[in-house]
Amino acid sequence: MNKTVYTLMTLLFVGTIFAQSLEDFPITDQWLAKIESLAPSAPRVKADVKKIMVFSQHTGFYHWTIPHNDEMLKILATKSGAFEVTIARDIDSFDKKNLKQYDAIILNNSNPAGPKRDLFWDLLKKNSNLDDQRITELSAQYEKTLMDYVSKGGGLMILHGAITVQNNSKEFSKMTGGSFDYHPKQQEMHLKEVNPNHPMVQAFKGNGFTHVDEPYFFNNAYSDYNFRPLLYIEADKLEGVKKEVSDNTIYVSWIKRYGKGRVFYTSPSHNAQSMDNPELLQFFLDGMQYVVGDLKCDDSPLGKP
């Protein structure tokens, strides 16, 4: 094998590995300064400062970007002057009295363990001596408390893997817009705007964006399309799709109403490297403003085709 062919094969192999995963990295002063420099300097809509609770606890798969998201959200809040952010990890944070002080909740990759896929059950089991029957009762209460909080006007923003928080609950799925089904390997993908003129995707200027991520597929309430889709990927451009799809368009971000409240889901991103895109940071900030009710836009459901 000559040197040129060997080099090309090596580059191809390295490129394949890169496309499947990105290396985690520590949070440094340099990284924080970079995100600070890329973050929007002002909110899209001027309004009173809102309070947001970011829940960053997990019991299942650990996303290494959880602490990076915490820092990114704090930077967005502080630099824009639009929010006060509190990071929470205790299940008591979901007590009704505590939730009342916040305008919105952000679920930061709060993945529960399988097969229950019930974050509240997991946290109670892990941090109490209660029997399973009582844990099941309390878990259902916490789920209802969160759903009531949103239906009565609270905001809910869901980052990436946190779509699994109550993944087997059909009612919770109706609130969030869908449940996690599976994802092929990490790979480079191009996300496109459903409607480039929609206020929630103006950050991308009609060009969408490309990054390495896990292409999420969804089930349960997703098939009802009871949301206003924002971003999509195309199934036939992905590697490793396990199931035949009825629609080549896979929505990976959306907004929706739930009672008097608002929900914003964004699958991007599994990797903190995606935050190097200032347009994605603007998208996150716009999502925060949407769920607290400051950014008004069309959130009517798409509905079944």
Protein backbone atom coordinates (compact mmCIF):
# COMPACT_ATOMS: atom_id res chain seq x y z
CA MET A 1 0.00 0.00 0.00
CA ASN A 2 1.54 3.33 -1.02
CA LYS A 3 1.77 6.25 1.38
CA THR A 4 -0.95 8.31 -0.33
CA VAL A 5 -3.53 5.53 -0.16
CA TYR A 6 -2.63 4.80 3.47
CA THR A 7 -3.04 8.48 4.39
CA LEU A 8 -6.45 8.68 2.69
CA MET A 9 -7.64 5.54 4.48
CA THR A 10 -6.43 6.93 7.80
CA LEU A 11 -8.26 10.21 7.24
CA LEU A 12 -11.42 8.32 6.29
CA PHE A 13 -11.21 6.20 9.44
CA VAL A 14 -10.61 9.22 11.67
CA GLY A 15 -13.46 11.06 9.99
CA THR A 16 -15.81 8.13 10.63
CA ILE A 17 -14.90 8.01 14.30
CA PHE A 18 -15.35 11.77 14.57
CA ALA A 19 -18.78 11.58 12.97
CA GLN A 20 -19.93 9.07 15.58
CA SER A 21 -18.94 10.96 18.71
CA LEU A 22 -17.31 14.10 19.99
CA GLU A 23 -14.88 14.19 22.90
CA ASP A 24 -16.07 15.64 26.16
CA PHE A 25 -14.00 18.44 27.61
CA PRO A 26 -13.77 20.25 30.96
CA ILE A 27 -15.28 23.64 31.68
CA THR A 28 -12.43 26.14 31.72
CA ASP A 29 -12.19 29.90 32.08
CA GLN A 30 -11.31 30.02 28.40
CA TRP A 31 -14.41 28.10 27.39
CA LEU A 32 -16.64 30.27 29.60
CA ALA A 33 -15.10 33.40 28.08
CA LYS A 34 -15.78 32.05 24.59
CA ILE A 35 -19.45 31.35 25.33
CA GLU A 36 -19.72 34.77 26.96
CA SER A 37 -18.38 36.38 23.79
CA LEU A 38 -20.75 34.42 21.52
CA ALA A 39 -23.90 34.86 23.61
CA PRO A 40 -26.48 37.49 22.60
CA SER A 41 -25.91 40.82 24.32
CA ALA A 42 -29.63 41.55 24.63
CA PRO A 43 -32.91 39.64 24.52
CA ARG A 44 -34.99 39.79 21.37
CA VAL A 45 -37.89 41.16 23.44
CA LYS A 46 -37.41 43.65 26.28
CA ALA A 47 -39.38 42.63 29.37
CA ASP A 48 -39.20 42.35 33.14
CA VAL A 49 -36.63 39.92 34.53
CA LYS A 50 -38.06 36.40 34.81
CA LYS A 51 -37.04 33.61 37.19
CA ILE A 52 -36.13 30.19 35.80
CA MET A 53 -35.31 26.92 37.56
CA VAL A 54 -32.90 24.67 35.69
CA PHE A 55 -33.24 21.08 36.86
CA SER A 56 -29.99 19.25 36.17
CA GLN A 57 -30.36 15.91 37.91
CA HIS A 58 -30.40 12.50 36.23
CA THR A 59 -30.68 8.86 37.25
CA GLY A 60 -30.10 7.21 33.87
CA PHE A 61 -27.71 8.05 31.05
CA TYR A 62 -25.37 10.88 32.01
CA HIS A 63 -24.92 13.55 29.35
CA TRP A 64 -21.51 15.10 29.85
CA THR A 65 -22.84 18.40 28.59
CA ILE A 66 -25.15 18.88 31.61
CA PRO A 67 -22.73 21.17 33.51
CA HIS A 68 -21.86 22.97 30.26
CA ASN A 69 -25.57 23.65 29.71
CA ASP A 70 -25.84 25.00 33.26
CA GLU A 71 -23.04 27.48 32.60
CA MET A 72 -24.35 28.38 29.15
CA LEU A 73 -27.83 29.11 30.50
CA LYS A 74 -26.41 31.25 33.31
CA ILE A 75 -24.39 33.23 30.76
CA LEU A 76 -27.46 33.74 28.54
CA ALA A 77 -29.44 34.92 31.55
CA THR A 78 -26.79 37.28 32.90
CA LYS A 79 -25.54 38.78 29.64
CA SER A 80 -29.03 39.41 28.28
CA GLY A 81 -30.25 40.69 31.64
CA ALA A 82 -33.54 38.91 30.97
CA PHE A 83 -33.46 36.10 33.54
CA GLU A 84 -32.43 34.93 36.97
CA VAL A 85 -31.39 31.28 36.83
CA THR A 86 -31.38 28.82 39.73
CA ILE A 87 -29.76 25.40 39.28
CA ALA A 88 -31.63 22.63 41.10
CA ARG A 89 -30.97 18.92 41.62
CA ASP A 90 -33.28 17.87 44.47
CA ILE A 91 -36.70 16.33 43.87
CA ASP A 92 -38.14 18.72 46.45
CA SER A 93 -37.58 21.42 43.85
CA PHE A 94 -40.78 20.14 42.23
CA ASP A 95 -42.90 20.80 45.29
CA LYS A 96 -45.87 22.95 44.36
CA LYS A 97 -44.89 25.77 46.72
CA ASN A 98 -41.37 25.95 45.31
CA LEU A 99 -42.48 25.94 41.66
CA LYS A 100 -44.72 28.97 42.25
CA GLN A 101 -41.70 31.27 42.51
CA TYR A 102 -40.54 30.49 38.95
CA ASP A 103 -41.80 31.68 35.59
CA ALA A 104 -40.38 28.62 33.83
CA ILE A 105 -38.54 25.35 34.33
CA ILE A 106 -35.75 24.01 32.15
CA LEU A 107 -35.16 20.26 32.21
CA ASN A 108 -31.47 19.80 31.45
CA ASN A 109 -30.89 16.26 30.16
CA SER A 110 -32.73 14.87 33.18
CA ASN A 111 -32.64 11.30 31.94
CA PRO A 112 -34.25 8.61 34.10
CA ALA A 113 -33.18 4.98 34.09
CA GLY A 114 -34.97 2.23 32.18
CA PRO A 115 -37.25 0.43 31.92
CA LYS A 116 -39.54 2.66 34.03
CA ARG A 117 -38.26 5.90 32.48
CA ASP A 118 -39.78 7.77 35.42
CA LEU A 119 -37.43 10.38 36.87
CA PHE A 120 -39.54 11.08 39.95
CA TRP A 121 -39.80 7.38 40.80
CA ASP A 122 -36.04 6.99 40.42
CA LEU A 123 -35.22 9.98 42.61
CA LEU A 124 -37.61 8.86 45.35
CA LYS A 125 -36.24 5.31 45.23
CA LYS A 126 -32.68 6.57 45.42
CA ASN A 127 -33.17 9.15 48.16
CA SER A 128 -35.79 7.66 50.49
CA ASN A 129 -36.65 4.50 52.42
CA LEU A 130 -40.24 4.42 51.20
CA ASP A 131 -41.80 1.24 49.86
CA ASP A 132 -42.47 0.90 46.14
CA GLN A 133 -46.21 1.47 46.46
CA ARG A 134 -45.72 4.80 48.23
CA ILE A 135 -43.00 5.78 45.76
CA THR A 136 -45.37 5.06 42.88
CA GLU A 137 -48.05 7.27 44.49
CA LEU A 138 -45.65 10.14 45.15
CA SER A 139 -44.14 9.89 41.70
CA ALA A 140 -47.58 10.30 40.15
CA GLN A 141 -48.16 13.32 42.39
CA TYR A 142 -44.92 14.97 41.29
CA GLU A 143 -45.79 14.35 37.65
CA LYS A 144 -49.24 15.90 38.13
CA THR A 145 -47.76 18.86 40.01
CA LEU A 146 -45.42 19.61 37.12
CA MET A 147 -48.17 19.23 34.54
CA ASP A 148 -50.49 21.45 36.58
CA TYR A 149 -47.73 24.04 36.88
CA VAL A 150 -47.46 24.25 33.10
CA SER A 151 -51.20 24.08 32.38
CA LYS A 152 -51.79 27.00 34.76
CA GLY A 153 -49.31 29.22 32.96
CA GLY A 154 -45.77 28.06 33.77
CA GLY A 155 -43.16 27.60 31.06
CA LEU A 156 -41.29 24.39 30.28
CA MET A 157 -38.11 24.15 28.21
CA ILE A 158 -36.73 20.68 27.52
CA LEU A 159 -33.12 20.15 26.51
CA HIS A 160 -32.16 17.13 24.41
CA GLY A 161 -32.39 13.92 26.49
CA ALA A 162 -34.81 15.40 29.03
CA ILE A 163 -37.65 14.45 26.68
CA THR A 164 -37.37 11.08 28.50
CA VAL A 165 -38.23 12.49 31.98
CA GLN A 166 -41.57 10.61 32.11
CA ASN A 167 -41.09 8.74 28.87
CA ASN A 168 -43.71 6.03 29.40
CA SER A 169 -46.45 8.44 30.47
CA LYS A 170 -48.94 9.09 27.68
CA GLU A 171 -50.33 12.18 29.41
CA PHE A 172 -46.86 13.64 29.94
CA SER A 173 -46.09 12.94 26.30
CA LYS A 174 -49.13 14.97 25.26
CA MET A 175 -47.78 17.89 27.25
CA THR A 176 -44.23 17.68 25.89
CA GLY A 177 -45.21 16.87 22.30
CA GLY A 178 -43.72 13.39 22.16
CA SER A 179 -41.57 10.74 23.80
CA PHE A 180 -38.11 9.46 22.93
CA ASP A 181 -38.01 6.35 20.74
CA TYR A 182 -34.36 5.83 19.73
CA HIS A 183 -31.45 7.46 17.97
CA PRO A 184 -28.90 6.23 15.43
CA LYS A 185 -25.21 6.94 16.04
CA GLN A 186 -23.94 10.47 16.36
CA GLN A 187 -23.28 11.99 12.97
CA GLU A 188 -23.05 15.27 11.14
CA MET A 189 -26.47 16.48 10.13
CA HIS A 190 -28.04 19.57 8.64
CA LEU A 191 -31.04 20.94 10.49
CA LYS A 192 -33.48 23.03 8.49
CA GLU A 193 -36.12 25.53 9.50
CA VAL A 194 -39.71 24.45 8.92
CA ASN A 195 -40.65 28.11 8.32
CA PRO A 196 -37.64 30.44 8.03
CA ASN A 197 -39.90 33.42 8.78
CA HIS A 198 -41.03 32.11 12.16
CA PRO A 199 -39.72 34.33 15.00
CA MET A 200 -38.33 31.34 16.89
CA VAL A 201 -35.89 30.41 14.11
CA GLN A 202 -34.86 33.86 12.92
CA ALA A 203 -31.45 33.24 14.48
CA PHE A 204 -30.54 30.86 11.65
CA LYS A 205 -31.28 33.40 8.89
CA GLY A 206 -32.90 30.82 6.62
CA ASN A 207 -29.78 28.67 6.41
CA GLY A 208 -30.44 26.16 9.17
CA PHE A 209 -27.27 24.83 10.75
CA THR A 210 -24.97 21.83 10.63
CA HIS A 211 -23.48 20.05 13.62
CA VAL A 212 -22.65 16.62 15.03
CA ASP A 213 -25.45 15.24 17.16
CA GLU A 214 -27.68 12.27 17.89
CA PRO A 215 -30.62 12.23 15.44
CA TYR A 216 -33.59 11.68 17.72
CA PHE A 217 -36.70 9.78 16.68
CA PHE A 218 -39.91 10.05 18.72
CA ASN A 219 -43.10 8.14 19.51
CA ASN A 220 -46.28 8.35 21.63
CA ALA A 221 -47.84 11.83 21.26
CA TYR A 222 -45.36 12.85 18.56
CA SER A 223 -47.51 11.24 15.87
CA ASP A 224 -50.35 13.62 16.76
CA TYR A 225 -48.19 16.60 15.66
CA ASN A 226 -49.82 18.61 18.43
CA PHE A 227 -47.07 21.22 18.22
CA ARG A 228 -45.68 23.95 15.99
CA PRO A 229 -42.49 22.44 14.48
CA LEU A 230 -39.39 24.61 14.25
CA LEU A 231 -36.49 22.48 12.99
CA TYR A 232 -36.31 19.19 11.11
CA ILE A 233 -33.91 16.64 9.69
CA GLU A 234 -34.45 14.27 6.78
CA ALA A 235 -34.44 10.56 7.53
CA ASP A 236 -33.04 9.54 4.15
CA LYS A 237 -29.91 11.60 4.79
CA LEU A 238 -29.12 9.80 8.05
CA GLU A 239 -27.03 6.70 8.70
CA GLY A 240 -28.33 3.91 10.90
CA VAL A 241 -32.10 4.48 10.73
CA LYS A 242 -33.53 1.32 12.33
CA LYS A 243 -37.19 1.60 11.41
CA GLU A 244 -39.11 2.44 8.29
CA VAL A 245 -40.47 5.97 8.55
CA SER A 246 -43.84 7.11 7.25
CA ASP A 247 -42.61 10.69 6.91
CA ASN A 248 -39.09 11.54 5.81
CA THR A 249 -39.33 14.79 7.77
CA ILE A 250 -38.28 14.26 11.39
CA TYR A 251 -39.01 17.26 13.61
CA VAL A 252 -36.34 17.78 16.26
CA SER A 253 -37.54 21.03 17.83
CA TRP A 254 -40.97 22.49 18.44
CA ILE A 255 -43.11 24.76 20.59
CA LYS A 256 -46.62 24.19 21.86
CA ARG A 257 -49.26 25.36 24.26
CA TYR A 258 -50.37 23.24 27.17
CA GLY A 259 -53.33 24.83 28.88
CA LYS A 260 -52.19 28.37 29.71
CA GLY A 261 -48.51 27.38 29.61
CA ARG A 262 -45.89 27.05 26.90
CA VAL A 263 -43.49 24.22 26.07
CA PHE A 264 -40.30 24.40 23.99
CA TYR A 265 -38.37 21.26 23.05
CA THR A 266 -34.95 21.29 21.43
CA SER A 267 -33.13 18.10 20.57
CA PRO A 268 -29.90 19.99 19.79
CA SER A 269 -27.57 19.12 21.32
CA HIS A 270 -25.79 16.15 22.86
CA ASN A 271 -22.46 17.95 22.52
CA ALA A 272 -21.22 21.19 24.04
CA GLN A 273 -19.24 21.82 20.84
CA SER A 274 -22.55 22.87 19.26
CA MET A 275 -22.57 25.93 21.52
CA ASP A 276 -19.75 27.37 19.43
CA ASN A 277 -22.53 28.46 17.08
CA PRO A 278 -23.83 31.88 18.25
CA GLU A 279 -27.02 31.30 16.29
CA LEU A 280 -27.81 28.27 18.43
CA LEU A 281 -27.24 30.35 21.57
CA GLN A 282 -29.69 32.93 20.22
CA PHE A 283 -32.16 30.11 19.53
CA PHE A 284 -31.90 28.95 23.15
CA LEU A 285 -32.41 32.49 24.45
CA ASP A 286 -35.42 32.94 22.19
CA GLY A 287 -36.81 29.67 23.53
CA MET A 288 -36.41 30.91 27.09
CA GLN A 289 -38.28 34.06 26.16
CA TYR A 290 -41.02 32.04 24.49
CA VAL A 291 -41.73 29.78 27.47
CA VAL A 292 -42.02 32.72 29.88
CA GLY A 293 -44.42 34.44 27.50
CA ASP A 294 -42.24 37.34 26.37
CA LEU A 295 -41.72 36.23 22.77
CA LYS A 296 -45.12 36.00 21.11
CA CYS A 297 -45.37 33.83 18.01
CA ASP A 298 -47.49 31.26 16.23
CA ASP A 299 -47.58 28.14 18.40
CA SER A 300 -50.71 26.62 16.91
CA PRO A 301 -50.47 22.85 16.41
CA LEU A 302 -49.47 21.47 13.03
CA GLY A 303 -51.96 18.62 13.35
CA LYS A 304 -51.94 15.26 11.63
CA PRO A 305 -51.34 15.34 7.86
